[in-house]
Amino acid sequence: MLKIDTEIEVRYYETDQMGVVHHSNYIRYFEVARTLSMKKVGIPYDEMERKGVAMPIVSVSCDYKRPALFGDTILVTTILDQLPTVKIYYRYEIHNQKGELLATGTTVLAFIDALTKRPKRAPQYLIDILKSHFE
């Protein structure tokens, strides 16, 4: 298992008039945390794309537990339970600064050839780097 935490401050424009984060922003928080997590372990998305690998989202889900509010600093935990094959499965937990669980979610991304747009297996260098960070 691989777990990486990312802190994000809730910005005013992400909220409604009551200061509550709009539901669509949780998916954005997942994306920010996922891309920063990959960068933290040494696999920046832009580098993968230069090597001809694209990773489109094929599935996303979010379960809302309680609202994030303007001014909160949220902690998004990105979790990989298994090494990728032709897809990579991420889980997320979002907590506020009090440690309260705000949301959980998942994303599934496929590996495709950036030129042909055809499915492919996860590159071996990605698997090797992720494996070195697994607990």
N, C-alpha and C. Protein backbone atom coordinates (compact mmCIF):
# COMPACT_ATOMS: atom_id res chain seq x y z
N MET A 1 0.84 -1.18 0.00
CA MET A 1 0.00 0.00 0.00
C MET A 1 0.88 1.24 0.00
N LEU A 2 0.42 2.25 -0.69
CA LEU A 2 1.12 3.54 -0.76
C LEU A 2 0.13 4.63 -0.38
N LYS A 3 0.50 5.45 0.61
CA LYS A 3 -0.34 6.56 1.05
C LYS A 3 0.47 7.85 1.00
N ILE A 4 -0.12 8.87 0.39
CA ILE A 4 0.55 10.17 0.33
C ILE A 4 -0.47 11.25 0.67
N ASP A 5 -0.07 12.15 1.57
CA ASP A 5 -0.95 13.24 2.00
C ASP A 5 -0.63 14.53 1.27
N THR A 6 -1.69 15.27 0.94
CA THR A 6 -1.56 16.57 0.29
C THR A 6 -2.48 17.54 1.01
N GLU A 7 -1.93 18.68 1.46
CA GLU A 7 -2.75 19.72 2.09
C GLU A 7 -3.22 20.71 1.04
N ILE A 8 -4.50 21.08 1.13
CA ILE A 8 -5.08 22.06 0.21
C ILE A 8 -5.91 23.03 1.05
N GLU A 9 -5.72 24.32 0.83
CA GLU A 9 -6.54 25.31 1.51
C GLU A 9 -7.77 25.59 0.65
N VAL A 10 -8.94 25.53 1.27
CA VAL A 10 -10.19 25.80 0.56
C VAL A 10 -10.25 27.29 0.22
N ARG A 11 -10.43 27.56 -1.06
CA ARG A 11 -10.48 28.95 -1.53
C ARG A 11 -11.93 29.41 -1.64
N TYR A 12 -12.12 30.71 -1.53
CA TYR A 12 -13.45 31.31 -1.53
C TYR A 12 -14.25 30.93 -2.78
N TYR A 13 -13.62 30.97 -3.94
CA TYR A 13 -14.34 30.71 -5.18
C TYR A 13 -14.83 29.26 -5.31
N GLU A 14 -14.36 28.37 -4.44
CA GLU A 14 -14.80 26.98 -4.47
C GLU A 14 -16.08 26.76 -3.66
N THR A 15 -16.59 27.84 -3.04
CA THR A 15 -17.72 27.71 -2.13
C THR A 15 -18.95 28.45 -2.63
N ASP A 16 -20.08 28.14 -1.99
CA ASP A 16 -21.31 28.86 -2.29
C ASP A 16 -21.48 30.01 -1.29
N GLN A 17 -22.63 30.66 -1.28
CA GLN A 17 -22.84 31.81 -0.40
C GLN A 17 -22.81 31.45 1.08
N MET A 18 -22.95 30.18 1.40
CA MET A 18 -22.90 29.74 2.80
C MET A 18 -21.48 29.34 3.21
N GLY A 19 -20.53 29.46 2.27
CA GLY A 19 -19.15 29.09 2.58
C GLY A 19 -18.88 27.60 2.49
N VAL A 20 -19.82 26.85 1.89
CA VAL A 20 -19.69 25.40 1.75
C VAL A 20 -19.10 25.07 0.38
N VAL A 21 -18.12 24.18 0.36
CA VAL A 21 -17.48 23.78 -0.89
C VAL A 21 -18.50 23.10 -1.81
N HIS A 22 -18.54 23.55 -3.07
CA HIS A 22 -19.41 22.92 -4.07
C HIS A 22 -18.93 21.49 -4.31
N HIS A 23 -19.88 20.58 -4.48
CA HIS A 23 -19.54 19.16 -4.60
C HIS A 23 -18.56 18.84 -5.72
N SER A 24 -18.57 19.59 -6.80
CA SER A 24 -17.67 19.29 -7.92
C SER A 24 -16.20 19.50 -7.57
N ASN A 25 -15.93 20.31 -6.58
CA ASN A 25 -14.54 20.59 -6.22
C ASN A 25 -13.83 19.42 -5.57
N TYR A 26 -14.57 18.49 -5.00
CA TYR A 26 -13.93 17.32 -4.39
C TYR A 26 -13.20 16.51 -5.46
N ILE A 27 -13.78 16.44 -6.66
CA ILE A 27 -13.12 15.73 -7.76
C ILE A 27 -11.84 16.46 -8.14
N ARG A 28 -11.86 17.78 -8.11
CA ARG A 28 -10.65 18.56 -8.37
C ARG A 28 -9.60 18.31 -7.29
N TYR A 29 -10.04 18.24 -6.04
CA TYR A 29 -9.10 17.95 -4.95
C TYR A 29 -8.44 16.59 -5.16
N PHE A 30 -9.23 15.60 -5.63
CA PHE A 30 -8.64 14.29 -5.93
C PHE A 30 -7.55 14.44 -6.99
N GLU A 31 -7.84 15.21 -8.03
CA GLU A 31 -6.87 15.37 -9.12
C GLU A 31 -5.60 16.07 -8.66
N VAL A 32 -5.75 17.13 -7.89
CA VAL A 32 -4.58 17.84 -7.37
C VAL A 32 -3.72 16.89 -6.54
N ALA A 33 -4.36 16.16 -5.64
CA ALA A 33 -3.63 15.24 -4.77
C ALA A 33 -2.98 14.12 -5.56
N ARG A 34 -3.69 13.59 -6.56
CA ARG A 34 -3.15 12.49 -7.37
C ARG A 34 -1.92 12.94 -8.15
N THR A 35 -2.00 14.10 -8.81
CA THR A 35 -0.86 14.55 -9.62
C THR A 35 0.33 14.92 -8.73
N LEU A 36 0.07 15.55 -7.58
CA LEU A 36 1.17 15.87 -6.67
C LEU A 36 1.77 14.60 -6.05
N SER A 37 0.94 13.61 -5.78
CA SER A 37 1.43 12.34 -5.23
C SER A 37 2.37 11.65 -6.20
N MET A 38 1.98 11.63 -7.47
CA MET A 38 2.83 11.00 -8.48
C MET A 38 4.16 11.75 -8.58
N LYS A 39 4.09 13.07 -8.52
CA LYS A 39 5.32 13.87 -8.57
C LYS A 39 6.20 13.59 -7.35
N LYS A 40 5.60 13.46 -6.17
CA LYS A 40 6.35 13.22 -4.93
C LYS A 40 7.13 11.90 -4.98
N VAL A 41 6.57 10.89 -5.67
CA VAL A 41 7.29 9.61 -5.75
C VAL A 41 8.22 9.53 -6.95
N GLY A 42 8.25 10.61 -7.75
CA GLY A 42 9.21 10.66 -8.84
C GLY A 42 8.65 10.35 -10.21
N ILE A 43 7.33 10.48 -10.38
CA ILE A 43 6.70 10.19 -11.67
C ILE A 43 5.77 11.35 -12.05
N PRO A 44 6.34 12.49 -12.46
CA PRO A 44 5.47 13.59 -12.87
C PRO A 44 4.67 13.23 -14.13
N TYR A 45 3.41 13.63 -14.16
CA TYR A 45 2.55 13.32 -15.31
C TYR A 45 3.15 13.83 -16.62
N ASP A 46 3.69 15.04 -16.61
CA ASP A 46 4.22 15.59 -17.86
C ASP A 46 5.38 14.76 -18.39
N GLU A 47 6.15 14.15 -17.50
CA GLU A 47 7.24 13.28 -17.93
C GLU A 47 6.70 12.02 -18.60
N MET A 48 5.65 11.45 -18.01
CA MET A 48 5.04 10.26 -18.61
C MET A 48 4.49 10.58 -20.00
N GLU A 49 3.86 11.76 -20.12
CA GLU A 49 3.30 12.15 -21.41
C GLU A 49 4.40 12.33 -22.46
N ARG A 50 5.54 12.90 -22.04
CA ARG A 50 6.67 13.02 -22.97
C ARG A 50 7.17 11.66 -23.43
N LYS A 51 6.99 10.65 -22.58
CA LYS A 51 7.40 9.29 -22.93
C LYS A 51 6.30 8.53 -23.67
N GLY A 52 5.20 9.23 -24.02
CA GLY A 52 4.17 8.63 -24.85
C GLY A 52 3.05 7.92 -24.12
N VAL A 53 2.92 8.18 -22.81
CA VAL A 53 1.87 7.53 -22.02
C VAL A 53 0.86 8.58 -21.57
N ALA A 54 -0.42 8.30 -21.83
CA ALA A 54 -1.50 9.16 -21.32
C ALA A 54 -2.34 8.32 -20.37
N MET A 55 -3.01 9.01 -19.44
CA MET A 55 -3.79 8.32 -18.42
C MET A 55 -5.16 8.98 -18.26
N PRO A 56 -6.10 8.67 -19.14
CA PRO A 56 -7.43 9.25 -18.99
C PRO A 56 -8.21 8.61 -17.84
N ILE A 57 -9.06 9.41 -17.23
CA ILE A 57 -9.97 8.90 -16.19
C ILE A 57 -11.05 8.06 -16.87
N VAL A 58 -11.31 6.88 -16.33
CA VAL A 58 -12.40 6.05 -16.85
C VAL A 58 -13.53 5.90 -15.83
N SER A 59 -13.24 6.26 -14.58
CA SER A 59 -14.27 6.16 -13.54
C SER A 59 -13.91 7.07 -12.38
N VAL A 60 -14.92 7.70 -11.78
CA VAL A 60 -14.71 8.52 -10.60
C VAL A 60 -15.94 8.40 -9.71
N SER A 61 -15.71 8.37 -8.41
CA SER A 61 -16.81 8.37 -7.45
C SER A 61 -16.42 9.18 -6.23
N CYS A 62 -17.42 9.74 -5.57
CA CYS A 62 -17.18 10.50 -4.35
C CYS A 62 -18.36 10.32 -3.41
N ASP A 63 -18.07 9.98 -2.17
CA ASP A 63 -19.08 9.87 -1.12
C ASP A 63 -18.85 11.01 -0.14
N TYR A 64 -19.84 11.86 -0.01
CA TYR A 64 -19.75 13.06 0.83
C TYR A 64 -20.23 12.74 2.24
N LYS A 65 -19.42 13.07 3.22
CA LYS A 65 -19.75 12.78 4.62
C LYS A 65 -20.18 14.04 5.37
N ARG A 66 -19.43 15.12 5.20
CA ARG A 66 -19.74 16.42 5.80
C ARG A 66 -19.05 17.48 4.96
N PRO A 67 -19.51 18.71 5.04
CA PRO A 67 -18.98 19.74 4.14
C PRO A 67 -17.62 20.28 4.54
N ALA A 68 -16.82 20.58 3.53
CA ALA A 68 -15.62 21.39 3.73
C ALA A 68 -16.09 22.84 3.62
N LEU A 69 -15.42 23.71 4.36
CA LEU A 69 -15.85 25.11 4.44
C LEU A 69 -14.73 26.05 4.02
N PHE A 70 -15.12 27.24 3.59
CA PHE A 70 -14.15 28.26 3.24
C PHE A 70 -13.20 28.46 4.42
N GLY A 71 -11.91 28.49 4.13
CA GLY A 71 -10.90 28.68 5.18
C GLY A 71 -10.36 27.39 5.75
N ASP A 72 -11.05 26.26 5.51
CA ASP A 72 -10.52 24.98 5.99
C ASP A 72 -9.22 24.66 5.26
N THR A 73 -8.34 23.98 5.96
CA THR A 73 -7.21 23.34 5.33
C THR A 73 -7.53 21.86 5.34
N ILE A 74 -7.71 21.31 4.15
CA ILE A 74 -8.08 19.90 4.07
C ILE A 74 -6.84 19.06 3.78
N LEU A 75 -6.89 17.83 4.24
CA LEU A 75 -5.82 16.87 3.99
C LEU A 75 -6.41 15.79 3.09
N VAL A 76 -5.87 15.69 1.89
CA VAL A 76 -6.32 14.67 0.94
C VAL A 76 -5.28 13.55 0.95
N THR A 77 -5.71 12.37 1.37
CA THR A 77 -4.83 11.20 1.36
C THR A 77 -5.12 10.40 0.10
N THR A 78 -4.08 10.22 -0.70
CA THR A 78 -4.16 9.42 -1.92
C THR A 78 -3.60 8.04 -1.61
N ILE A 79 -4.37 7.01 -1.94
CA ILE A 79 -4.00 5.65 -1.56
C ILE A 79 -3.99 4.74 -2.79
N LEU A 80 -2.89 4.01 -2.95
CA LEU A 80 -2.80 2.93 -3.94
C LEU A 80 -2.72 1.63 -3.16
N ASP A 81 -3.67 0.74 -3.39
CA ASP A 81 -3.67 -0.56 -2.70
C ASP A 81 -2.94 -1.63 -3.49
N GLN A 82 -2.80 -1.40 -4.80
CA GLN A 82 -2.16 -2.39 -5.65
C GLN A 82 -1.39 -1.71 -6.77
N LEU A 83 -0.44 -2.42 -7.31
CA LEU A 83 0.32 -1.89 -8.44
C LEU A 83 -0.55 -1.92 -9.69
N PRO A 84 -0.32 -0.99 -10.61
CA PRO A 84 -1.16 -0.93 -11.81
C PRO A 84 -0.85 -2.03 -12.81
N THR A 85 -1.84 -2.28 -13.67
CA THR A 85 -1.66 -3.18 -14.82
C THR A 85 -1.99 -2.34 -16.06
N VAL A 86 -3.19 -2.51 -16.61
CA VAL A 86 -3.63 -1.63 -17.70
C VAL A 86 -4.43 -0.46 -17.15
N LYS A 87 -4.77 -0.54 -15.87
CA LYS A 87 -5.46 0.54 -15.16
C LYS A 87 -4.78 0.76 -13.83
N ILE A 88 -5.00 1.95 -13.28
CA ILE A 88 -4.50 2.26 -11.95
C ILE A 88 -5.67 2.75 -11.11
N TYR A 89 -5.81 2.19 -9.91
CA TYR A 89 -6.94 2.44 -9.03
C TYR A 89 -6.49 3.25 -7.82
N TYR A 90 -7.05 4.44 -7.68
CA TYR A 90 -6.74 5.31 -6.55
C TYR A 90 -7.94 5.39 -5.61
N ARG A 91 -7.64 5.45 -4.31
CA ARG A 91 -8.65 5.78 -3.30
C ARG A 91 -8.24 7.08 -2.64
N TYR A 92 -9.23 7.80 -2.12
CA TYR A 92 -8.96 9.08 -1.46
C TYR A 92 -9.76 9.19 -0.18
N GLU A 93 -9.17 9.88 0.77
CA GLU A 93 -9.87 10.30 1.98
C GLU A 93 -9.57 11.78 2.17
N ILE A 94 -10.60 12.55 2.46
CA ILE A 94 -10.42 13.97 2.72
C ILE A 94 -10.85 14.26 4.15
N HIS A 95 -9.94 14.86 4.92
CA HIS A 95 -10.21 15.26 6.31
C HIS A 95 -10.01 16.76 6.44
N ASN A 96 -10.71 17.36 7.39
CA ASN A 96 -10.45 18.77 7.68
C ASN A 96 -9.38 18.88 8.75
N GLN A 97 -9.07 20.11 9.14
CA GLN A 97 -7.99 20.33 10.11
C GLN A 97 -8.33 19.78 11.50
N LYS A 98 -9.60 19.48 11.75
CA LYS A 98 -10.00 18.86 13.02
C LYS A 98 -9.89 17.34 12.97
N GLY A 99 -9.54 16.81 11.79
CA GLY A 99 -9.45 15.36 11.63
C GLY A 99 -10.76 14.70 11.25
N GLU A 100 -11.79 15.51 11.00
CA GLU A 100 -13.10 14.96 10.64
C GLU A 100 -13.09 14.49 9.18
N LEU A 101 -13.64 13.31 8.95
CA LEU A 101 -13.72 12.78 7.60
C LEU A 101 -14.80 13.53 6.82
N LEU A 102 -14.40 14.14 5.70
CA LEU A 102 -15.32 14.93 4.88
C LEU A 102 -15.83 14.15 3.68
N ALA A 103 -14.96 13.36 3.07
CA ALA A 103 -15.34 12.63 1.86
C ALA A 103 -14.37 11.49 1.62
N THR A 104 -14.87 10.50 0.89
CA THR A 104 -14.03 9.42 0.39
C THR A 104 -14.34 9.28 -1.10
N GLY A 105 -13.42 8.72 -1.85
CA GLY A 105 -13.68 8.56 -3.27
C GLY A 105 -12.68 7.66 -3.94
N THR A 106 -12.92 7.45 -5.22
CA THR A 106 -12.04 6.63 -6.04
C THR A 106 -11.93 7.23 -7.43
N THR A 107 -10.82 6.96 -8.07
CA THR A 107 -10.68 7.20 -9.50
C THR A 107 -9.98 6.00 -10.10
N VAL A 108 -10.34 5.71 -11.34
CA VAL A 108 -9.68 4.67 -12.11
C VAL A 108 -9.19 5.34 -13.39
N LEU A 109 -7.91 5.16 -13.67
CA LEU A 109 -7.32 5.71 -14.89
C LEU A 109 -6.78 4.56 -15.72
N ALA A 110 -6.92 4.68 -17.03
CA ALA A 110 -6.38 3.68 -17.95
C ALA A 110 -5.06 4.19 -18.51
N PHE A 111 -4.22 3.28 -18.92
CA PHE A 111 -2.98 3.64 -19.61
C PHE A 111 -3.23 3.50 -21.10
N ILE A 112 -2.89 4.55 -21.85
CA ILE A 112 -3.03 4.48 -23.30
C ILE A 112 -1.79 5.06 -23.95
N ASP A 113 -1.55 4.64 -25.19
CA ASP A 113 -0.49 5.22 -25.99
C ASP A 113 -0.94 6.62 -26.39
N ALA A 114 -0.12 7.62 -26.10
CA ALA A 114 -0.52 9.01 -26.34
C ALA A 114 -0.76 9.30 -27.82
N LEU A 115 -0.07 8.61 -28.72
CA LEU A 115 -0.25 8.85 -30.16
C LEU A 115 -1.43 8.09 -30.75
N THR A 116 -1.50 6.79 -30.45
CA THR A 116 -2.53 5.96 -31.07
C THR A 116 -3.84 5.94 -30.29
N LYS A 117 -3.76 6.34 -29.02
CA LYS A 117 -4.93 6.31 -28.11
C LYS A 117 -5.40 4.89 -27.82
N ARG A 118 -4.54 3.92 -28.06
CA ARG A 118 -4.87 2.52 -27.81
C ARG A 118 -4.43 2.14 -26.39
N PRO A 119 -5.19 1.27 -25.73
CA PRO A 119 -4.82 0.82 -24.38
C PRO A 119 -3.46 0.14 -24.39
N LYS A 120 -2.76 0.28 -23.27
CA LYS A 120 -1.47 -0.39 -23.11
C LYS A 120 -1.27 -0.70 -21.63
N ARG A 121 -0.30 -1.52 -21.35
CA ARG A 121 0.03 -1.84 -19.95
C ARG A 121 0.79 -0.68 -19.33
N ALA A 122 0.74 -0.60 -18.02
CA ALA A 122 1.51 0.41 -17.30
C ALA A 122 2.99 0.22 -17.63
N PRO A 123 3.70 1.31 -17.86
CA PRO A 123 5.13 1.17 -18.16
C PRO A 123 5.89 0.57 -16.97
N GLN A 124 6.88 -0.24 -17.29
CA GLN A 124 7.63 -0.93 -16.24
C GLN A 124 8.33 0.04 -15.30
N TYR A 125 8.84 1.17 -15.81
CA TYR A 125 9.51 2.13 -14.93
C TYR A 125 8.54 2.68 -13.88
N LEU A 126 7.28 2.86 -14.25
CA LEU A 126 6.28 3.33 -13.29
C LEU A 126 6.03 2.27 -12.21
N ILE A 127 5.87 1.05 -12.64
CA ILE A 127 5.65 -0.05 -11.69
C ILE A 127 6.83 -0.16 -10.73
N ASP A 128 8.06 -0.08 -11.26
CA ASP A 128 9.26 -0.20 -10.42
C ASP A 128 9.34 0.93 -9.39
N ILE A 129 9.05 2.16 -9.82
CA ILE A 129 9.09 3.29 -8.88
C ILE A 129 8.02 3.15 -7.82
N LEU A 130 6.80 2.80 -8.22
CA LEU A 130 5.73 2.63 -7.24
C LEU A 130 6.05 1.49 -6.27
N LYS A 131 6.57 0.39 -6.79
CA LYS A 131 6.92 -0.76 -5.95
C LYS A 131 7.92 -0.38 -4.87
N SER A 132 8.84 0.51 -5.21
CA SER A 132 9.86 0.92 -4.24
C SER A 132 9.27 1.77 -3.10
N HIS A 133 8.07 2.29 -3.29
CA HIS A 133 7.42 3.12 -2.26
C HIS A 133 6.32 2.36 -1.51
N PHE A 134 6.00 1.15 -1.92
CA PHE A 134 4.94 0.39 -1.26
C PHE A 134 5.41 -0.06 0.12
N GLU A 135 4.49 -0.05 1.08
CA GLU A 135 4.80 -0.50 2.45
C GLU A 135 4.66 -2.00 2.53
